[in-house]
């Protein structure tokens, strides 16, 4: 069974989360106010595993579900500082 957790990426006042699966970073979810227009103030999600994916959701829970759905065990390169 996979263990999913999230941690604050920056200061507590920012809605910016790093998403981990089994203690390995697989993505990020944050409150994005930079889009403007019809997409102003939405949750943006991204998956850093391969293939990488990004998108938008109206809720934090929805964005976290998208990261869970799209994260894979494949990596495009070894993590930095790999021994």
PDB file of N, CA and C in Angstrom:
ATOM      1  N   UNK A   1       0.837  -1.184   0.000  1.00  0.00           N
ATOM      2  CA  UNK A   1       0.000   0.000   0.000  1.00  0.00           C
ATOM      3  C   UNK A   1       0.881   1.246   0.000  1.00  0.00           C
ATOM      4  N   UNK A   2       0.562   2.184  -0.844  1.00  0.00           N
ATOM      5  CA  UNK A   2       1.346   3.409  -0.949  1.00  0.00           C
ATOM      6  C   UNK A   2       0.944   4.392   0.149  1.00  0.00           C
ATOM      7  N   UNK A   3       1.928   5.108   0.681  1.00  0.00           N
ATOM      8  CA  UNK A   3       1.678   6.122   1.693  1.00  0.00           C
ATOM      9  C   UNK A   3       1.815   7.493   1.053  1.00  0.00           C
ATOM     10  N   UNK A   4       0.745   8.297   1.112  1.00  0.00           N
ATOM     11  CA  UNK A   4       0.747   9.640   0.540  1.00  0.00           C
ATOM     12  C   UNK A   4       0.801  10.663   1.654  1.00  0.00           C
ATOM     13  N   UNK A   5       1.690  11.649   1.524  1.00  0.00           N
ATOM     14  CA  UNK A   5       1.758  12.751   2.483  1.00  0.00           C
ATOM     15  C   UNK A   5       1.966  14.044   1.718  1.00  0.00           C
ATOM     16  N   UNK A   6       1.758  15.153   2.402  1.00  0.00           N
ATOM     17  CA  UNK A   6       2.041  16.456   1.800  1.00  0.00           C
ATOM     18  C   UNK A   6       2.683  17.331   2.854  1.00  0.00           C
ATOM     19  N   UNK A   7       3.571  18.198   2.420  1.00  0.00           N
ATOM     20  CA  UNK A   7       4.276  19.093   3.331  1.00  0.00           C
ATOM     21  C   UNK A   7       4.271  20.485   2.755  1.00  0.00           C
ATOM     22  N   UNK A   8       4.239  21.475   3.631  1.00  0.00           N
ATOM     23  CA  UNK A   8       4.307  22.864   3.188  1.00  0.00           C
ATOM     24  C   UNK A   8       5.656  23.102   2.533  1.00  0.00           C
ATOM     25  N   UNK A   9       5.627  23.715   1.357  1.00  0.00           N
ATOM     26  CA  UNK A   9       6.859  23.972   0.626  1.00  0.00           C
ATOM     27  C   UNK A   9       7.550  25.231   1.125  1.00  0.00           C
ATOM     28  N   UNK A  10       6.744  26.273   1.409  1.00  0.00           N
ATOM     29  CA  UNK A  10       7.301  27.551   1.836  1.00  0.00           C
ATOM     30  C   UNK A  10       6.687  27.958   3.170  1.00  0.00           C
ATOM     31  N   UNK A  11       6.639  29.228   3.466  1.00  0.00           N
ATOM     32  CA  UNK A  11       6.113  29.715   4.726  1.00  0.00           C
ATOM     33  C   UNK A  11       4.650  29.296   4.889  1.00  0.00           C
ATOM     34  N   UNK A  12       4.193  29.177   6.146  1.00  0.00           N
ATOM     35  CA  UNK A  12       2.824  28.703   6.391  1.00  0.00           C
ATOM     36  C   UNK A  12       1.726  29.524   5.719  1.00  0.00           C
ATOM     37  N   UNK A  13       1.952  30.816   5.484  1.00  0.00           N
ATOM     38  CA  UNK A  13       0.891  31.634   4.883  1.00  0.00           C
ATOM     39  C   UNK A  13       0.685  31.344   3.401  1.00  0.00           C
ATOM     40  N   UNK A  14       1.625  30.656   2.777  1.00  0.00           N
ATOM     41  CA  UNK A  14       1.471  30.310   1.366  1.00  0.00           C
ATOM     42  C   UNK A  14       0.815  28.944   1.241  1.00  0.00           C
ATOM     43  N   UNK A  15      -0.145  28.837   0.346  1.00  0.00           N
ATOM     44  CA  UNK A  15      -0.793  27.550   0.079  1.00  0.00           C
ATOM     45  C   UNK A  15       0.014  26.834  -0.995  1.00  0.00           C
ATOM     46  N   UNK A  16       1.123  26.252  -0.596  1.00  0.00           N
ATOM     47  CA  UNK A  16       2.043  25.598  -1.516  1.00  0.00           C
ATOM     48  C   UNK A  16       2.496  24.292  -0.873  1.00  0.00           C
ATOM     49  N   UNK A  17       2.165  23.190  -1.490  1.00  0.00           N
ATOM     50  CA  UNK A  17       2.415  21.880  -0.909  1.00  0.00           C
ATOM     51  C   UNK A  17       3.288  21.016  -1.819  1.00  0.00           C
ATOM     52  N   UNK A  18       4.220  20.291  -1.210  1.00  0.00           N
ATOM     53  CA  UNK A  18       4.972  19.255  -1.900  1.00  0.00           C
ATOM     54  C   UNK A  18       4.280  17.934  -1.593  1.00  0.00           C
ATOM     55  N   UNK A  19       4.049  17.128  -2.612  1.00  0.00           N
ATOM     56  CA  UNK A  19       3.345  15.855  -2.445  1.00  0.00           C
ATOM     57  C   UNK A  19       4.361  14.720  -2.495  1.00  0.00           C
ATOM     58  N   UNK A  20       4.307  13.842  -1.495  1.00  0.00           N
ATOM     59  CA  UNK A  20       5.224  12.718  -1.414  1.00  0.00           C
ATOM     60  C   UNK A  20       4.459  11.404  -1.461  1.00  0.00           C
ATOM     61  N   UNK A  21       5.033  10.425  -2.149  1.00  0.00           N
ATOM     62  CA  UNK A  21       4.507   9.061  -2.137  1.00  0.00           C
ATOM     63  C   UNK A  21       5.616   8.176  -1.608  1.00  0.00           C
ATOM     64  N   UNK A  22       5.349   7.493  -0.515  1.00  0.00           N
ATOM     65  CA  UNK A  22       6.352   6.659   0.142  1.00  0.00           C
ATOM     66  C   UNK A  22       7.635   7.453   0.400  1.00  0.00           C
ATOM     67  N   UNK A  23       7.471   8.675   0.873  1.00  0.00           N
ATOM     68  CA  UNK A  23       8.548   9.603   1.250  1.00  0.00           C
ATOM     69  C   UNK A  23       9.379  10.094   0.072  1.00  0.00           C
ATOM     70  N   UNK A  24       8.910   9.892  -1.151  1.00  0.00           N
ATOM     71  CA  UNK A  24       9.592  10.371  -2.346  1.00  0.00           C
ATOM     72  C   UNK A  24       8.746  11.468  -2.985  1.00  0.00           C
ATOM     73  N   UNK A  25       9.346  12.612  -3.277  1.00  0.00           N
ATOM     74  CA  UNK A  25       8.604  13.723  -3.874  1.00  0.00           C
ATOM     75  C   UNK A  25       8.134  13.334  -5.268  1.00  0.00           C
ATOM     76  N   UNK A  26       6.832  13.474  -5.516  1.00  0.00           N
ATOM     77  CA  UNK A  26       6.279  13.150  -6.832  1.00  0.00           C
ATOM     78  C   UNK A  26       5.562  14.333  -7.470  1.00  0.00           C
ATOM     79  N   UNK A  27       5.260  15.377  -6.693  1.00  0.00           N
ATOM     80  CA  UNK A  27       4.535  16.494  -7.290  1.00  0.00           C
ATOM     81  C   UNK A  27       4.378  17.678  -6.357  1.00  0.00           C
ATOM     82  N   UNK A  28       3.584  18.624  -6.835  1.00  0.00           N
ATOM     83  CA  UNK A  28       3.378  19.877  -6.112  1.00  0.00           C
ATOM     84  C   UNK A  28       1.964  20.374  -6.390  1.00  0.00           C
ATOM     85  N   UNK A  29       1.355  20.990  -5.376  1.00  0.00           N
ATOM     86  CA  UNK A  29       0.036  21.605  -5.493  1.00  0.00           C
ATOM     87  C   UNK A  29       0.128  22.980  -4.853  1.00  0.00           C
ATOM     88  N   UNK A  30      -0.334  24.024  -5.577  1.00  0.00           N
ATOM     89  CA  UNK A  30      -0.290  25.354  -4.981  1.00  0.00           C
ATOM     90  C   UNK A  30      -1.430  26.223  -5.476  1.00  0.00           C
ATOM     91  N   UNK A  31      -1.797  27.216  -4.654  1.00  0.00           N
ATOM     92  CA  UNK A  31      -2.848  28.181  -4.961  1.00  0.00           C
ATOM     93  C   UNK A  31      -2.249  29.192  -5.914  1.00  0.00           C
ATOM     94  N   UNK A  32      -2.711  29.200  -7.167  1.00  0.00           N
ATOM     95  CA  UNK A  32      -2.104  29.999  -8.229  1.00  0.00           C
ATOM     96  C   UNK A  32      -2.966  31.216  -8.531  1.00  0.00           C
ATOM     97  N   UNK A  33      -2.468  32.394  -8.174  1.00  0.00           N
ATOM     98  CA  UNK A  33      -3.209  33.638  -8.425  1.00  0.00           C
ATOM     99  C   UNK A  33      -2.614  34.401  -9.606  1.00  0.00           C
ATOM    100  N   UNK A  34      -1.705  33.777 -10.337  1.00  0.00           N
ATOM    101  CA  UNK A  34      -1.011  34.478 -11.423  1.00  0.00           C
ATOM    102  C   UNK A  34      -1.649  34.280 -12.788  1.00  0.00           C
ATOM    103  N   UNK A  35      -2.648  33.438 -12.897  1.00  0.00           N
ATOM    104  CA  UNK A  35      -3.193  33.108 -14.208  1.00  0.00           C
ATOM    105  C   UNK A  35      -4.056  34.208 -14.805  1.00  0.00           C
ATOM    106  N   UNK A  36      -4.787  34.945 -13.965  1.00  0.00           N
ATOM    107  CA  UNK A  36      -5.638  36.023 -14.477  1.00  0.00           C
ATOM    108  C   UNK A  36      -6.788  35.501 -15.323  1.00  0.00           C
ATOM    109  N   UNK A  37      -7.658  36.393 -15.728  1.00  0.00           N
ATOM    110  CA  UNK A  37      -8.779  36.005 -16.589  1.00  0.00           C
ATOM    111  C   UNK A  37      -9.696  35.001 -15.930  1.00  0.00           C
ATOM    112  N   UNK A  38     -10.199  34.095 -16.729  1.00  0.00           N
ATOM    113  CA  UNK A  38     -11.165  33.105 -16.251  1.00  0.00           C
ATOM    114  C   UNK A  38     -10.557  32.118 -15.261  1.00  0.00           C
ATOM    115  N   UNK A  39      -9.247  31.950 -15.282  1.00  0.00           N
ATOM    116  CA  UNK A  39      -8.602  30.968 -14.414  1.00  0.00           C
ATOM    117  C   UNK A  39      -7.979  31.607 -13.178  1.00  0.00           C
ATOM    118  N   UNK A  40      -8.446  32.776 -12.795  1.00  0.00           N
ATOM    119  CA  UNK A  40      -7.855  33.455 -11.640  1.00  0.00           C
ATOM    120  C   UNK A  40      -8.101  32.647 -10.370  1.00  0.00           C
ATOM    121  N   UNK A  41      -7.094  32.577  -9.557  1.00  0.00           N
ATOM    122  CA  UNK A  41      -7.161  31.948  -8.247  1.00  0.00           C
ATOM    123  C   UNK A  41      -7.694  30.518  -8.307  1.00  0.00           C
ATOM    124  N   UNK A  42      -6.880  29.635  -8.833  1.00  0.00           N
ATOM    125  CA  UNK A  42      -7.202  28.211  -8.895  1.00  0.00           C
ATOM    126  C   UNK A  42      -6.030  27.418  -8.323  1.00  0.00           C
ATOM    127  N   UNK A  43      -6.280  26.173  -8.015  1.00  0.00           N
ATOM    128  CA  UNK A  43      -5.224  25.283  -7.563  1.00  0.00           C
ATOM    129  C   UNK A  43      -4.511  24.708  -8.781  1.00  0.00           C
ATOM    130  N   UNK A  44      -3.210  24.858  -8.813  1.00  0.00           N
ATOM    131  CA  UNK A  44      -2.412  24.278  -9.891  1.00  0.00           C
ATOM    132  C   UNK A  44      -1.711  23.049  -9.336  1.00  0.00           C
ATOM    133  N   UNK A  45      -1.684  21.995 -10.114  1.00  0.00           N
ATOM    134  CA  UNK A  45      -0.993  20.787  -9.693  1.00  0.00           C
ATOM    135  C   UNK A  45       0.027  20.393 -10.753  1.00  0.00           C
ATOM    136  N   UNK A  46       1.079  19.722 -10.317  1.00  0.00           N
ATOM    137  CA  UNK A  46       2.078  19.230 -11.254  1.00  0.00           C
ATOM    138  C   UNK A  46       2.658  17.923 -10.731  1.00  0.00           C
ATOM    139  N   UNK A  47       3.036  17.070 -11.664  1.00  0.00           N
ATOM    140  CA  UNK A  47       3.661  15.790 -11.354  1.00  0.00           C
ATOM    141  C   UNK A  47       5.042  15.804 -11.984  1.00  0.00           C
ATOM    142  N   UNK A  48       6.066  15.474 -11.199  1.00  0.00           N
ATOM    143  CA  UNK A  48       7.434  15.555 -11.701  1.00  0.00           C
ATOM    144  C   UNK A  48       7.955  14.217 -12.208  1.00  0.00           C
ATOM    145  N   UNK A  49       7.166  13.149 -12.044  1.00  0.00           N
ATOM    146  CA  UNK A  49       7.575  11.874 -12.604  1.00  0.00           C
ATOM    147  C   UNK A  49       7.300  11.883 -14.098  1.00  0.00           C
ATOM    148  N   UNK A  50       7.778  10.871 -14.814  1.00  0.00           N
ATOM    149  CA  UNK A  50       7.650  10.851 -16.274  1.00  0.00           C
ATOM    150  C   UNK A  50       6.477   9.999 -16.709  1.00  0.00           C
ATOM    151  N   UNK A  51       5.648  10.440 -17.615  1.00  0.00           N
ATOM    152  CA  UNK A  51       5.707  11.774 -18.200  1.00  0.00           C
ATOM    153  C   UNK A  51       5.182  12.810 -17.217  1.00  0.00           C
ATOM    154  N   UNK A  52       5.735  13.995 -17.256  1.00  0.00           N
ATOM    155  CA  UNK A  52       5.289  15.049 -16.344  1.00  0.00           C
ATOM    156  C   UNK A  52       3.919  15.549 -16.789  1.00  0.00           C
ATOM    157  N   UNK A  53       3.145  16.025 -15.846  1.00  0.00           N
ATOM    158  CA  UNK A  53       1.805  16.534 -16.138  1.00  0.00           C
ATOM    159  C   UNK A  53       1.550  17.760 -15.284  1.00  0.00           C
ATOM    160  N   UNK A  54       0.715  18.660 -15.775  1.00  0.00           N
ATOM    161  CA  UNK A  54       0.272  19.814 -14.995  1.00  0.00           C
ATOM    162  C   UNK A  54      -1.189  20.083 -15.320  1.00  0.00           C
ATOM    163  N   UNK A  55      -1.851  20.792 -14.426  1.00  0.00           N
ATOM    164  CA  UNK A  55      -3.246  21.141 -14.666  1.00  0.00           C
ATOM    165  C   UNK A  55      -3.779  22.019 -13.559  1.00  0.00           C
ATOM    166  N   UNK A  56      -5.075  22.293 -13.619  1.00  0.00           N
ATOM    167  CA  UNK A  56      -5.734  23.177 -12.662  1.00  0.00           C
ATOM    168  C   UNK A  56      -6.967  22.503 -12.086  1.00  0.00           C
ATOM    169  N   UNK A  57      -7.293  22.838 -10.845  1.00  0.00           N
ATOM    170  CA  UNK A  57      -8.504  22.359 -10.182  1.00  0.00           C
ATOM    171  C   UNK A  57      -9.078  23.491  -9.346  1.00  0.00           C
ATOM    172  N   UNK A  58     -10.348  23.356  -9.018  1.00  0.00           N
ATOM    173  CA  UNK A  58     -10.993  24.375  -8.199  1.00  0.00           C
ATOM    174  C   UNK A  58     -10.795  24.141  -6.709  1.00  0.00           C
ATOM    175  N   UNK A  59     -10.390  22.933  -6.311  1.00  0.00           N
ATOM    176  CA  UNK A  59     -10.208  22.631  -4.890  1.00  0.00           C
ATOM    177  C   UNK A  59      -8.848  21.991  -4.644  1.00  0.00           C
ATOM    178  N   UNK A  60      -8.361  22.129  -3.426  1.00  0.00           N
ATOM    179  CA  UNK A  60      -7.115  21.481  -3.022  1.00  0.00           C
ATOM    180  C   UNK A  60      -7.257  19.966  -3.122  1.00  0.00           C
ATOM    181  N   UNK A  61      -8.376  19.437  -2.654  1.00  0.00           N
ATOM    182  CA  UNK A  61      -8.588  17.995  -2.683  1.00  0.00           C
ATOM    183  C   UNK A  61      -8.563  17.459  -4.113  1.00  0.00           C
ATOM    184  N   UNK A  62      -9.189  18.188  -5.027  1.00  0.00           N
ATOM    185  CA  UNK A  62      -9.188  17.775  -6.429  1.00  0.00           C
ATOM    186  C   UNK A  62      -7.797  17.777  -7.020  1.00  0.00           C
ATOM    187  N   UNK A  63      -7.000  18.787  -6.670  1.00  0.00           N
ATOM    188  CA  UNK A  63      -5.627  18.869  -7.174  1.00  0.00           C
ATOM    189  C   UNK A  63      -4.776  17.724  -6.630  1.00  0.00           C
ATOM    190  N   UNK A  64      -4.947  17.403  -5.345  1.00  0.00           N
ATOM    191  CA  UNK A  64      -4.201  16.290  -4.765  1.00  0.00           C
ATOM    192  C   UNK A  64      -4.584  14.970  -5.432  1.00  0.00           C
ATOM    193  N   UNK A  65      -5.852  14.792  -5.745  1.00  0.00           N
ATOM    194  CA  UNK A  65      -6.296  13.579  -6.439  1.00  0.00           C
ATOM    195  C   UNK A  65      -5.674  13.481  -7.831  1.00  0.00           C
ATOM    196  N   UNK A  66      -5.523  14.606  -8.514  1.00  0.00           N
ATOM    197  CA  UNK A  66      -4.893  14.595  -9.837  1.00  0.00           C
ATOM    198  C   UNK A  66      -3.430  14.171  -9.744  1.00  0.00           C
ATOM    199  N   UNK A  67      -2.719  14.653  -8.719  1.00  0.00           N
ATOM    200  CA  UNK A  67      -1.320  14.244  -8.537  1.00  0.00           C
ATOM    201  C   UNK A  67      -1.262  12.738  -8.292  1.00  0.00           C
ATOM    202  N   UNK A  68      -2.136  12.238  -7.428  1.00  0.00           N
ATOM    203  CA  UNK A  68      -2.155  10.797  -7.148  1.00  0.00           C
ATOM    204  C   UNK A  68      -2.445   9.988  -8.413  1.00  0.00           C
ATOM    205  N   UNK A  69      -3.348  10.483  -9.229  1.00  0.00           N
ATOM    206  CA  UNK A  69      -3.747   9.755 -10.434  1.00  0.00           C
ATOM    207  C   UNK A  69      -2.658   9.738 -11.504  1.00  0.00           C
ATOM    208  N   UNK A  70      -1.812  10.766 -11.543  1.00  0.00           N
ATOM    209  CA  UNK A  70      -0.838  10.879 -12.625  1.00  0.00           C
ATOM    210  C   UNK A  70       0.603  10.552 -12.237  1.00  0.00           C
ATOM    211  N   UNK A  71       0.917  10.455 -10.955  1.00  0.00           N
ATOM    212  CA  UNK A  71       2.286  10.147 -10.540  1.00  0.00           C
ATOM    213  C   UNK A  71       2.627   8.713 -10.935  1.00  0.00           C
ATOM    214  N   UNK A  72       3.840   8.513 -11.413  1.00  0.00           N
ATOM    215  CA  UNK A  72       4.290   7.182 -11.823  1.00  0.00           C
ATOM    216  C   UNK A  72       5.582   6.834 -11.103  1.00  0.00           C
ATOM    217  N   UNK A  73       6.047   5.623 -11.319  1.00  0.00           N
ATOM    218  CA  UNK A  73       7.323   5.189 -10.750  1.00  0.00           C
ATOM    219  C   UNK A  73       8.484   5.478 -11.689  1.00  0.00           C
ATOM    220  N   UNK A  74       8.201   6.086 -12.825  1.00  0.00           N
ATOM    221  CA  UNK A  74       9.241   6.363 -13.819  1.00  0.00           C
ATOM    222  C   UNK A  74       9.823   7.758 -13.607  1.00  0.00           C
ATOM    223  N   UNK A  75      11.123   7.866 -13.791  1.00  0.00           N
ATOM    224  CA  UNK A  75      11.821   9.143 -13.656  1.00  0.00           C
ATOM    225  C   UNK A  75      12.576   9.417 -14.938  1.00  0.00           C
ATOM    226  N   UNK A  76      12.616  10.673 -15.351  1.00  0.00           N
ATOM    227  CA  UNK A  76      13.320  11.042 -16.570  1.00  0.00           C
ATOM    228  C   UNK A  76      14.823  11.099 -16.388  1.00  0.00           C
ATOM    229  N   UNK A  77      15.276  11.236 -15.161  1.00  0.00           N
ATOM    230  CA  UNK A  77      16.701  11.277 -14.850  1.00  0.00           C
ATOM    231  C   UNK A  77      16.862  10.880 -13.399  1.00  0.00           C
ATOM    232  N   UNK A  78      18.048  10.491 -13.034  1.00  0.00           N
ATOM    233  CA  UNK A  78      18.297  10.170 -11.634  1.00  0.00           C
ATOM    234  C   UNK A  78      18.232  11.454 -10.817  1.00  0.00           C
ATOM    235  N   UNK A  79      17.808  11.348  -9.561  1.00  0.00           N
ATOM    236  CA  UNK A  79      17.774  12.547  -8.713  1.00  0.00           C
ATOM    237  C   UNK A  79      19.152  13.193  -8.626  1.00  0.00           C
ATOM    238  N   UNK A  80      19.171  14.495  -8.462  1.00  0.00           N
ATOM    239  CA  UNK A  80      20.436  15.205  -8.317  1.00  0.00           C
ATOM    240  C   UNK A  80      21.197  14.677  -7.118  1.00  0.00           C
ATOM    241  N   UNK A  81      22.529  14.688  -7.233  1.00  0.00           N
ATOM    242  CA  UNK A  81      23.433  14.194  -6.200  1.00  0.00           C
ATOM    243  C   UNK A  81      23.271  12.694  -5.966  1.00  0.00           C
ATOM    244  N   UNK A  82      22.848  11.989  -6.990  1.00  0.00           N
ATOM    245  CA  UNK A  82      22.722  10.539  -6.873  1.00  0.00           C
ATOM    246  C   UNK A  82      24.105   9.944  -6.667  1.00  0.00           C
ATOM    247  N   UNK A  83      24.279   9.047  -5.693  1.00  0.00           N
ATOM    248  CA  UNK A  83      25.635   8.517  -5.425  1.00  0.00           C
ATOM    249  C   UNK A  83      26.191   7.697  -6.578  1.00  0.00           C
TER     250      UNK A  83
END
